[in-house]
Amino acid sequence: SSGSAALVADTLVQSATLIPPIALLGAFYVVTAALTNV
């Protein structure tokens, strides 16, 4: 509701213009796994 998720998503998409969507999908796995381990 605050737009925090949309802001992070926009930042990710803009910074990942040079990588294919499948790499971004893998990035979500890696970031979530790193968070979950902590």
PDB file of all heavy atoms in Angstrom:
ATOM      1  N   SER A   1       0.814  -1.223   0.000  1.00  0.00           N
ATOM      2  CA  SER A   1       0.000   0.000   0.000  1.00  0.00           C
ATOM      3  C   SER A   1       0.846   1.271   0.000  1.00  0.00           C
ATOM      4  O   SER A   1       0.434   2.294  -0.550  1.00  0.00           O
ATOM      5  CB  SER A   1      -0.933   0.002   1.215  1.00  0.00           C
ATOM      6  OG  SER A   1      -0.183   0.035   2.424  1.00  0.00           O
ATOM      7  N   SER A   2       2.046   1.207   0.584  1.00  0.00           N
ATOM      8  CA  SER A   2       2.905   2.391   0.652  1.00  0.00           C
ATOM      9  C   SER A   2       3.666   2.639  -0.648  1.00  0.00           C
ATOM     10  O   SER A   2       4.190   3.730  -0.866  1.00  0.00           O
ATOM     11  CB  SER A   2       3.904   2.251   1.801  1.00  0.00           C
ATOM     12  OG  SER A   2       4.843   1.221   1.520  1.00  0.00           O
ATOM     13  N   GLY A   3       3.754   1.623  -1.485  1.00  0.00           N
ATOM     14  CA  GLY A   3       4.545   1.740  -2.707  1.00  0.00           C
ATOM     15  C   GLY A   3       5.972   1.283  -2.541  1.00  0.00           C
ATOM     16  O   GLY A   3       6.766   1.357  -3.496  1.00  0.00           O
ATOM     17  N   SER A   4       6.331   0.766  -1.359  1.00  0.00           N
ATOM     18  CA  SER A   4       7.711   0.306  -1.120  1.00  0.00           C
ATOM     19  C   SER A   4       8.082  -0.834  -2.059  1.00  0.00           C
ATOM     20  O   SER A   4       9.184  -0.856  -2.626  1.00  0.00           O
ATOM     21  CB  SER A   4       7.865  -0.161   0.336  1.00  0.00           C
ATOM     22  OG  SER A   4       7.580   0.873   1.236  1.00  0.00           O
ATOM     23  N   ALA A   5       7.161  -1.784  -2.232  1.00  0.00           N
ATOM     24  CA  ALA A   5       7.442  -2.919  -3.109  1.00  0.00           C
ATOM     25  C   ALA A   5       7.631  -2.462  -4.548  1.00  0.00           C
ATOM     26  O   ALA A   5       8.531  -2.929  -5.254  1.00  0.00           O
ATOM     27  CB  ALA A   5       6.304  -3.939  -3.018  1.00  0.00           C
ATOM     28  N   ALA A   6       6.788  -1.522  -4.988  1.00  0.00           N
ATOM     29  CA  ALA A   6       6.895  -1.016  -6.363  1.00  0.00           C
ATOM     30  C   ALA A   6       8.210  -0.275  -6.574  1.00  0.00           C
ATOM     31  O   ALA A   6       8.832  -0.378  -7.640  1.00  0.00           O
ATOM     32  CB  ALA A   6       5.713  -0.105  -6.667  1.00  0.00           C
ATOM     33  N   LEU A   7       8.653   0.486  -5.543  1.00  0.00           N
ATOM     34  CA  LEU A   7       9.908   1.226  -5.661  1.00  0.00           C
ATOM     35  C   LEU A   7      11.096   0.271  -5.808  1.00  0.00           C
ATOM     36  O   LEU A   7      11.971   0.466  -6.671  1.00  0.00           O
ATOM     37  CB  LEU A   7      10.108   2.118  -4.430  1.00  0.00           C
ATOM     38  CG  LEU A   7      11.419   2.899  -4.370  1.00  0.00           C
ATOM     39  CD1 LEU A   7      11.523   3.876  -5.543  1.00  0.00           C
ATOM     40  CD2 LEU A   7      11.547   3.647  -3.040  1.00  0.00           C
ATOM     41  N   VAL A   8      11.136  -0.771  -4.972  1.00  0.00           N
ATOM     42  CA  VAL A   8      12.221  -1.749  -5.055  1.00  0.00           C
ATOM     43  C   VAL A   8      12.186  -2.459  -6.404  1.00  0.00           C
ATOM     44  O   VAL A   8      13.222  -2.676  -7.046  1.00  0.00           O
ATOM     45  CB  VAL A   8      12.134  -2.772  -3.891  1.00  0.00           C
ATOM     46  CG1 VAL A   8      13.194  -3.847  -4.050  1.00  0.00           C
ATOM     47  CG2 VAL A   8      12.275  -2.078  -2.552  1.00  0.00           C
ATOM     48  N   ALA A   9      10.974  -2.821  -6.851  1.00  0.00           N
ATOM     49  CA  ALA A   9      10.833  -3.513  -8.135  1.00  0.00           C
ATOM     50  C   ALA A   9      11.318  -2.632  -9.288  1.00  0.00           C
ATOM     51  O   ALA A   9      12.031  -3.098 -10.191  1.00  0.00           O
ATOM     52  CB  ALA A   9       9.380  -3.911  -8.349  1.00  0.00           C
ATOM     53  N   ASP A  10      10.945  -1.359  -9.274  1.00  0.00           N
ATOM     54  CA  ASP A  10      11.395  -0.433 -10.325  1.00  0.00           C
ATOM     55  C   ASP A  10      12.908  -0.334 -10.355  1.00  0.00           C
ATOM     56  O   ASP A  10      13.534  -0.339 -11.415  1.00  0.00           O
ATOM     57  CB  ASP A  10      10.793   0.957 -10.096  1.00  0.00           C
ATOM     58  CG  ASP A  10       9.391   1.074 -10.669  1.00  0.00           C
ATOM     59  OD1 ASP A  10       8.913   0.080 -11.243  1.00  0.00           O
ATOM     60  OD2 ASP A  10       8.784   2.149 -10.531  1.00  0.00           O
ATOM     61  N   THR A  11      13.487  -0.253  -9.157  1.00  0.00           N
ATOM     62  CA  THR A  11      14.950  -0.161  -9.062  1.00  0.00           C
ATOM     63  C   THR A  11      15.608  -1.411  -9.632  1.00  0.00           C
ATOM     64  O   THR A  11      16.605  -1.334 -10.366  1.00  0.00           O
ATOM     65  CB  THR A  11      15.369   0.033  -7.591  1.00  0.00           C
ATOM     66  OG1 THR A  11      14.705   1.169  -7.056  1.00  0.00           O
ATOM     67  CG2 THR A  11      16.879   0.222  -7.480  1.00  0.00           C
ATOM     68  N   LEU A  12      15.042  -2.577  -9.297  1.00  0.00           N
ATOM     69  CA  LEU A  12      15.592  -3.834  -9.799  1.00  0.00           C
ATOM     70  C   LEU A  12      15.501  -3.914 -11.320  1.00  0.00           C
ATOM     71  O   LEU A  12      16.463  -4.276 -12.001  1.00  0.00           O
ATOM     72  CB  LEU A  12      14.835  -5.026  -9.190  1.00  0.00           C
ATOM     73  CG  LEU A  12      15.212  -5.461  -7.779  1.00  0.00           C
ATOM     74  CD1 LEU A  12      14.248  -6.530  -7.290  1.00  0.00           C
ATOM     75  CD2 LEU A  12      16.637  -5.988  -7.741  1.00  0.00           C
ATOM     76  N   VAL A  13      14.349  -3.558 -11.863  1.00  0.00           N
ATOM     77  CA  VAL A  13      14.135  -3.675 -13.306  1.00  0.00           C
ATOM     78  C   VAL A  13      15.054  -2.725 -14.071  1.00  0.00           C
ATOM     79  O   VAL A  13      15.659  -3.087 -15.084  1.00  0.00           O
ATOM     80  CB  VAL A  13      12.654  -3.403 -13.645  1.00  0.00           C
ATOM     81  CG1 VAL A  13      12.462  -3.302 -15.160  1.00  0.00           C
ATOM     82  CG2 VAL A  13      11.767  -4.504 -13.075  1.00  0.00           C
ATOM     83  N   GLN A  14      15.184  -1.496 -13.554  1.00  0.00           N
ATOM     84  CA  GLN A  14      16.033  -0.516 -14.241  1.00  0.00           C
ATOM     85  C   GLN A  14      17.508  -0.889 -14.176  1.00  0.00           C
ATOM     86  O   GLN A  14      18.262  -0.638 -15.112  1.00  0.00           O
ATOM     87  CB  GLN A  14      15.814   0.871 -13.636  1.00  0.00           C
ATOM     88  CG  GLN A  14      14.459   1.458 -13.985  1.00  0.00           C
ATOM     89  CD  GLN A  14      14.300   2.883 -13.479  1.00  0.00           C
ATOM     90  OE1 GLN A  14      15.274   3.538 -13.133  1.00  0.00           O
ATOM     91  NE2 GLN A  14      13.059   3.356 -13.442  1.00  0.00           N
ATOM     92  N   SER A  15      17.906  -1.493 -13.057  1.00  0.00           N
ATOM     93  CA  SER A  15      19.319  -1.874 -12.919  1.00  0.00           C
ATOM     94  C   SER A  15      19.632  -3.186 -13.625  1.00  0.00           C
ATOM     95  O   SER A  15      20.794  -3.568 -13.734  1.00  0.00           O
ATOM     96  CB  SER A  15      19.685  -1.992 -11.429  1.00  0.00           C
ATOM     97  OG  SER A  15      18.936  -3.030 -10.823  1.00  0.00           O
ATOM     98  N   ALA A  16      18.591  -3.885 -14.072  1.00  0.00           N
ATOM     99  CA  ALA A  16      18.796  -5.198 -14.695  1.00  0.00           C
ATOM    100  C   ALA A  16      18.416  -5.191 -16.171  1.00  0.00           C
ATOM    101  O   ALA A  16      18.019  -6.216 -16.722  1.00  0.00           O
ATOM    102  CB  ALA A  16      17.989  -6.257 -13.948  1.00  0.00           C
ATOM    103  N   THR A  17      18.533  -4.032 -16.805  1.00  0.00           N
ATOM    104  CA  THR A  17      18.148  -3.937 -18.219  1.00  0.00           C
ATOM    105  C   THR A  17      19.041  -4.765 -19.124  1.00  0.00           C
ATOM    106  O   THR A  17      18.648  -5.127 -20.230  1.00  0.00           O
ATOM    107  CB  THR A  17      18.178  -2.468 -18.668  1.00  0.00           C
ATOM    108  OG1 THR A  17      19.468  -1.917 -18.341  1.00  0.00           O
ATOM    109  CG2 THR A  17      17.092  -1.658 -17.985  1.00  0.00           C
ATOM    110  N   LEU A  18      20.259  -5.066 -18.670  1.00  0.00           N
ATOM    111  CA  LEU A  18      21.207  -5.785 -19.511  1.00  0.00           C
ATOM    112  C   LEU A  18      21.154  -7.297 -19.318  1.00  0.00           C
ATOM    113  O   LEU A  18      21.873  -8.032 -19.983  1.00  0.00           O
ATOM    114  CB  LEU A  18      22.635  -5.284 -19.250  1.00  0.00           C
ATOM    115  CG  LEU A  18      22.891  -3.802 -19.544  1.00  0.00           C
ATOM    116  CD1 LEU A  18      24.328  -3.426 -19.212  1.00  0.00           C
ATOM    117  CD2 LEU A  18      22.590  -3.482 -21.009  1.00  0.00           C
ATOM    118  N   ILE A  19      20.320  -7.762 -18.378  1.00  0.00           N
ATOM    119  CA  ILE A  19      20.243  -9.212 -18.149  1.00  0.00           C
ATOM    120  C   ILE A  19      18.861  -9.715 -18.527  1.00  0.00           C
ATOM    121  O   ILE A  19      17.868  -8.999 -18.426  1.00  0.00           O
ATOM    122  CB  ILE A  19      20.561  -9.589 -16.685  1.00  0.00           C
ATOM    123  CG1 ILE A  19      19.506  -9.015 -15.729  1.00  0.00           C
ATOM    124  CG2 ILE A  19      21.951  -9.141 -16.300  1.00  0.00           C
ATOM    125  CD1 ILE A  19      19.667  -9.489 -14.299  1.00  0.00           C
ATOM    126  N   PRO A  20      18.739 -10.951 -18.994  1.00  0.00           N
ATOM    127  CA  PRO A  20      17.434 -11.496 -19.406  1.00  0.00           C
ATOM    128  C   PRO A  20      16.538 -11.738 -18.191  1.00  0.00           C
ATOM    129  O   PRO A  20      17.023 -11.879 -17.060  1.00  0.00           O
ATOM    130  CB  PRO A  20      17.809 -12.809 -20.096  1.00  0.00           C
ATOM    131  CG  PRO A  20      19.119 -13.199 -19.498  1.00  0.00           C
ATOM    132  CD  PRO A  20      19.830 -11.906 -19.208  1.00  0.00           C
ATOM    133  N   PRO A  21      15.219 -11.809 -18.393  1.00  0.00           N
ATOM    134  CA  PRO A  21      14.288 -12.040 -17.283  1.00  0.00           C
ATOM    135  C   PRO A  21      14.587 -13.304 -16.483  1.00  0.00           C
ATOM    136  O   PRO A  21      14.381 -13.331 -15.274  1.00  0.00           O
ATOM    137  CB  PRO A  21      12.927 -12.136 -17.993  1.00  0.00           C
ATOM    138  CG  PRO A  21      13.092 -11.323 -19.232  1.00  0.00           C
ATOM    139  CD  PRO A  21      14.523 -11.542 -19.661  1.00  0.00           C
ATOM    140  N   ILE A  22      15.088 -14.366 -17.161  1.00  0.00           N
ATOM    141  CA  ILE A  22      15.377 -15.603 -16.422  1.00  0.00           C
ATOM    142  C   ILE A  22      16.485 -15.382 -15.395  1.00  0.00           C
ATOM    143  O   ILE A  22      16.476 -15.973 -14.315  1.00  0.00           O
ATOM    144  CB  ILE A  22      15.741 -16.754 -17.394  1.00  0.00           C
ATOM    145  CG1 ILE A  22      15.821 -18.077 -16.610  1.00  0.00           C
ATOM    146  CG2 ILE A  22      17.044 -16.482 -18.134  1.00  0.00           C
ATOM    147  CD1 ILE A  22      16.024 -19.292 -17.486  1.00  0.00           C
ATOM    148  N   ALA A  23      17.436 -14.493 -15.708  1.00  0.00           N
ATOM    149  CA  ALA A  23      18.499 -14.179 -14.742  1.00  0.00           C
ATOM    150  C   ALA A  23      17.925 -13.408 -13.562  1.00  0.00           C
ATOM    151  O   ALA A  23      18.345 -13.598 -12.412  1.00  0.00           O
ATOM    152  CB  ALA A  23      19.597 -13.375 -15.426  1.00  0.00           C
ATOM    153  N   LEU A  24      16.941 -12.540 -13.840  1.00  0.00           N
ATOM    154  CA  LEU A  24      16.284 -11.809 -12.763  1.00  0.00           C
ATOM    155  C   LEU A  24      15.489 -12.767 -11.872  1.00  0.00           C
ATOM    156  O   LEU A  24      15.452 -12.613 -10.650  1.00  0.00           O
ATOM    157  CB  LEU A  24      15.362 -10.735 -13.350  1.00  0.00           C
ATOM    158  CG  LEU A  24      14.920  -9.617 -12.406  1.00  0.00           C
ATOM    159  CD1 LEU A  24      16.107  -8.902 -11.786  1.00  0.00           C
ATOM    160  CD2 LEU A  24      14.035  -8.616 -13.153  1.00  0.00           C
ATOM    161  N   LEU A  25      14.882 -13.776 -12.487  1.00  0.00           N
ATOM    162  CA  LEU A  25      14.179 -14.814 -11.732  1.00  0.00           C
ATOM    163  C   LEU A  25      15.156 -15.520 -10.787  1.00  0.00           C
ATOM    164  O   LEU A  25      14.858 -15.723  -9.599  1.00  0.00           O
ATOM    165  CB  LEU A  25      13.565 -15.823 -12.699  1.00  0.00           C
ATOM    166  CG  LEU A  25      12.808 -17.001 -12.083  1.00  0.00           C
ATOM    167  CD1 LEU A  25      11.508 -16.540 -11.452  1.00  0.00           C
ATOM    168  CD2 LEU A  25      12.515 -18.071 -13.150  1.00  0.00           C
ATOM    169  N   GLY A  26      16.336 -15.875 -11.319  1.00  0.00           N
ATOM    170  CA  GLY A  26      17.357 -16.498 -10.477  1.00  0.00           C
ATOM    171  C   GLY A  26      17.830 -15.573  -9.377  1.00  0.00           C
ATOM    172  O   GLY A  26      18.117 -16.020  -8.252  1.00  0.00           O
ATOM    173  N   ALA A  27      17.895 -14.270  -9.685  1.00  0.00           N
ATOM    174  CA  ALA A  27      18.321 -13.298  -8.673  1.00  0.00           C
ATOM    175  C   ALA A  27      17.351 -13.262  -7.501  1.00  0.00           C
ATOM    176  O   ALA A  27      17.765 -13.112  -6.345  1.00  0.00           O
ATOM    177  CB  ALA A  27      18.451 -11.910  -9.300  1.00  0.00           C
ATOM    178  N   PHE A  28      16.053 -13.405  -7.800  1.00  0.00           N
ATOM    179  CA  PHE A  28      15.072 -13.433  -6.706  1.00  0.00           C
ATOM    180  C   PHE A  28      15.300 -14.647  -5.803  1.00  0.00           C
ATOM    181  O   PHE A  28      15.165 -14.556  -4.581  1.00  0.00           O
ATOM    182  CB  PHE A  28      13.645 -13.435  -7.267  1.00  0.00           C
ATOM    183  CG  PHE A  28      13.073 -12.060  -7.411  1.00  0.00           C
ATOM    184  CD1 PHE A  28      13.075 -11.423  -8.629  1.00  0.00           C
ATOM    185  CD2 PHE A  28      12.566 -11.393  -6.315  1.00  0.00           C
ATOM    186  CE1 PHE A  28      12.575 -10.141  -8.770  1.00  0.00           C
ATOM    187  CE2 PHE A  28      12.052 -10.108  -6.431  1.00  0.00           C
ATOM    188  CZ  PHE A  28      12.063  -9.476  -7.660  1.00  0.00           C
ATOM    189  N   TYR A  29      15.622 -15.800  -6.407  1.00  0.00           N
ATOM    190  CA  TYR A  29      15.931 -16.980  -5.584  1.00  0.00           C
ATOM    191  C   TYR A  29      17.133 -16.691  -4.695  1.00  0.00           C
ATOM    192  O   TYR A  29      17.106 -16.943  -3.479  1.00  0.00           O
ATOM    193  CB  TYR A  29      16.213 -18.201  -6.463  1.00  0.00           C
ATOM    194  CG  TYR A  29      16.520 -19.441  -5.639  1.00  0.00           C
ATOM    195  CD1 TYR A  29      15.540 -20.384  -5.392  1.00  0.00           C
ATOM    196  CD2 TYR A  29      17.779 -19.640  -5.077  1.00  0.00           C
ATOM    197  CE1 TYR A  29      15.804 -21.502  -4.605  1.00  0.00           C
ATOM    198  CE2 TYR A  29      18.057 -20.751  -4.296  1.00  0.00           C
ATOM    199  CZ  TYR A  29      17.065 -21.675  -4.062  1.00  0.00           C
ATOM    200  OH  TYR A  29      17.333 -22.765  -3.266  1.00  0.00           O
ATOM    201  N   VAL A  30      18.199 -16.147  -5.271  1.00  0.00           N
ATOM    202  CA  VAL A  30      19.447 -15.921  -4.530  1.00  0.00           C
ATOM    203  C   VAL A  30      19.241 -14.924  -3.396  1.00  0.00           C
ATOM    204  O   VAL A  30      19.668 -15.156  -2.255  1.00  0.00           O
ATOM    205  CB  VAL A  30      20.553 -15.434  -5.495  1.00  0.00           C
ATOM    206  CG1 VAL A  30      21.788 -14.989  -4.709  1.00  0.00           C
ATOM    207  CG2 VAL A  30      20.918 -16.525  -6.487  1.00  0.00           C
ATOM    208  N   VAL A  31      18.564 -13.811  -3.676  1.00  0.00           N
ATOM    209  CA  VAL A  31      18.346 -12.782  -2.647  1.00  0.00           C
ATOM    210  C   VAL A  31      17.470 -13.327  -1.522  1.00  0.00           C
ATOM    211  O   VAL A  31      17.754 -13.120  -0.325  1.00  0.00           O
ATOM    212  CB  VAL A  31      17.719 -11.523  -3.265  1.00  0.00           C
ATOM    213  CG1 VAL A  31      17.308 -10.535  -2.169  1.00  0.00           C
ATOM    214  CG2 VAL A  31      18.699 -10.852  -4.221  1.00  0.00           C
ATOM    215  N   THR A  32      16.399 -14.036  -1.896  1.00  0.00           N
ATOM    216  CA  THR A  32      15.510 -14.593  -0.865  1.00  0.00           C
ATOM    217  C   THR A  32      16.235 -15.635  -0.021  1.00  0.00           C
ATOM    218  O   THR A  32      16.091 -15.665   1.211  1.00  0.00           O
ATOM    219  CB  THR A  32      14.264 -15.238  -1.516  1.00  0.00           C
ATOM    220  OG1 THR A  32      13.629 -14.281  -2.355  1.00  0.00           O
ATOM    221  CG2 THR A  32      13.288 -15.700  -0.452  1.00  0.00           C
ATOM    222  N   ALA A  33      17.025 -16.494  -0.668  1.00  0.00           N
ATOM    223  CA  ALA A  33      17.786 -17.509   0.074  1.00  0.00           C
ATOM    224  C   ALA A  33      18.768 -16.852   1.030  1.00  0.00           C
ATOM    225  O   ALA A  33      18.920 -17.290   2.189  1.00  0.00           O
ATOM    226  CB  ALA A  33      18.520 -18.425  -0.902  1.00  0.00           C
ATOM    227  N   ALA A  34      19.441 -15.802   0.581  1.00  0.00           N
ATOM    228  CA  ALA A  34      20.396 -15.094   1.445  1.00  0.00           C
ATOM    229  C   ALA A  34      19.682 -14.491   2.648  1.00  0.00           C
ATOM    230  O   ALA A  34      20.168 -14.577   3.789  1.00  0.00           O
ATOM    231  CB  ALA A  34      21.116 -14.009   0.649  1.00  0.00           C
ATOM    232  N   LEU A  35      18.509 -13.886   2.409  1.00  0.00           N
ATOM    233  CA  LEU A  35      17.727 -13.318   3.513  1.00  0.00           C
ATOM    234  C   LEU A  35      17.299 -14.396   4.491  1.00  0.00           C
ATOM    235  O   LEU A  35      17.422 -14.247   5.712  1.00  0.00           O
ATOM    236  CB  LEU A  35      16.475 -12.629   2.965  1.00  0.00           C
ATOM    237  CG  LEU A  35      16.523 -11.130   2.698  1.00  0.00           C
ATOM    238  CD1 LEU A  35      15.181 -10.675   2.144  1.00  0.00           C
ATOM    239  CD2 LEU A  35      16.870 -10.364   3.958  1.00  0.00           C
ATOM    240  N   THR A  36      16.787 -15.514   3.955  1.00  0.00           N
ATOM    241  CA  THR A  36      16.251 -16.582   4.796  1.00  0.00           C
ATOM    242  C   THR A  36      17.327 -17.216   5.662  1.00  0.00           C
ATOM    243  O   THR A  36      17.044 -17.680   6.774  1.00  0.00           O
ATOM    244  CB  THR A  36      15.575 -17.657   3.920  1.00  0.00           C
ATOM    245  OG1 THR A  36      14.601 -17.029   3.099  1.00  0.00           O
ATOM    246  CG2 THR A  36      14.895 -18.716   4.764  1.00  0.00           C
ATOM    247  N   ASN A  37      18.549 -17.246   5.181  1.00  0.00           N
ATOM    248  CA  ASN A  37      19.641 -17.822   5.973  1.00  0.00           C
ATOM    249  C   ASN A  37      20.039 -16.937   7.144  1.00  0.00           C
ATOM    250  O   ASN A  37      20.825 -17.356   7.994  1.00  0.00           O
ATOM    251  CB  ASN A  37      20.852 -18.081   5.075  1.00  0.00           C
ATOM    252  CG  ASN A  37      20.757 -19.413   4.357  1.00  0.00           C
ATOM    253  OD1 ASN A  37      20.878 -20.463   4.970  1.00  0.00           O
ATOM    254  ND2 ASN A  37      20.517 -19.377   3.047  1.00  0.00           N
ATOM    255  N   VAL A  38      19.494 -15.730   7.188  1.00  0.00           N
ATOM    256  CA  VAL A  38      19.820 -14.803   8.280  1.00  0.00           C
ATOM    257  C   VAL A  38      18.603 -14.503   9.139  1.00  0.00           C
ATOM    258  O   VAL A  38      18.699 -14.388  10.356  1.00  0.00           O
ATOM    259  CB  VAL A  38      20.406 -13.487   7.707  1.00  0.00           C
ATOM    260  CG1 VAL A  38      20.712 -12.504   8.838  1.00  0.00           C
ATOM    261  CG2 VAL A  38      21.656 -13.765   6.898  1.00  0.00           C
TER     262      VAL A  38
END
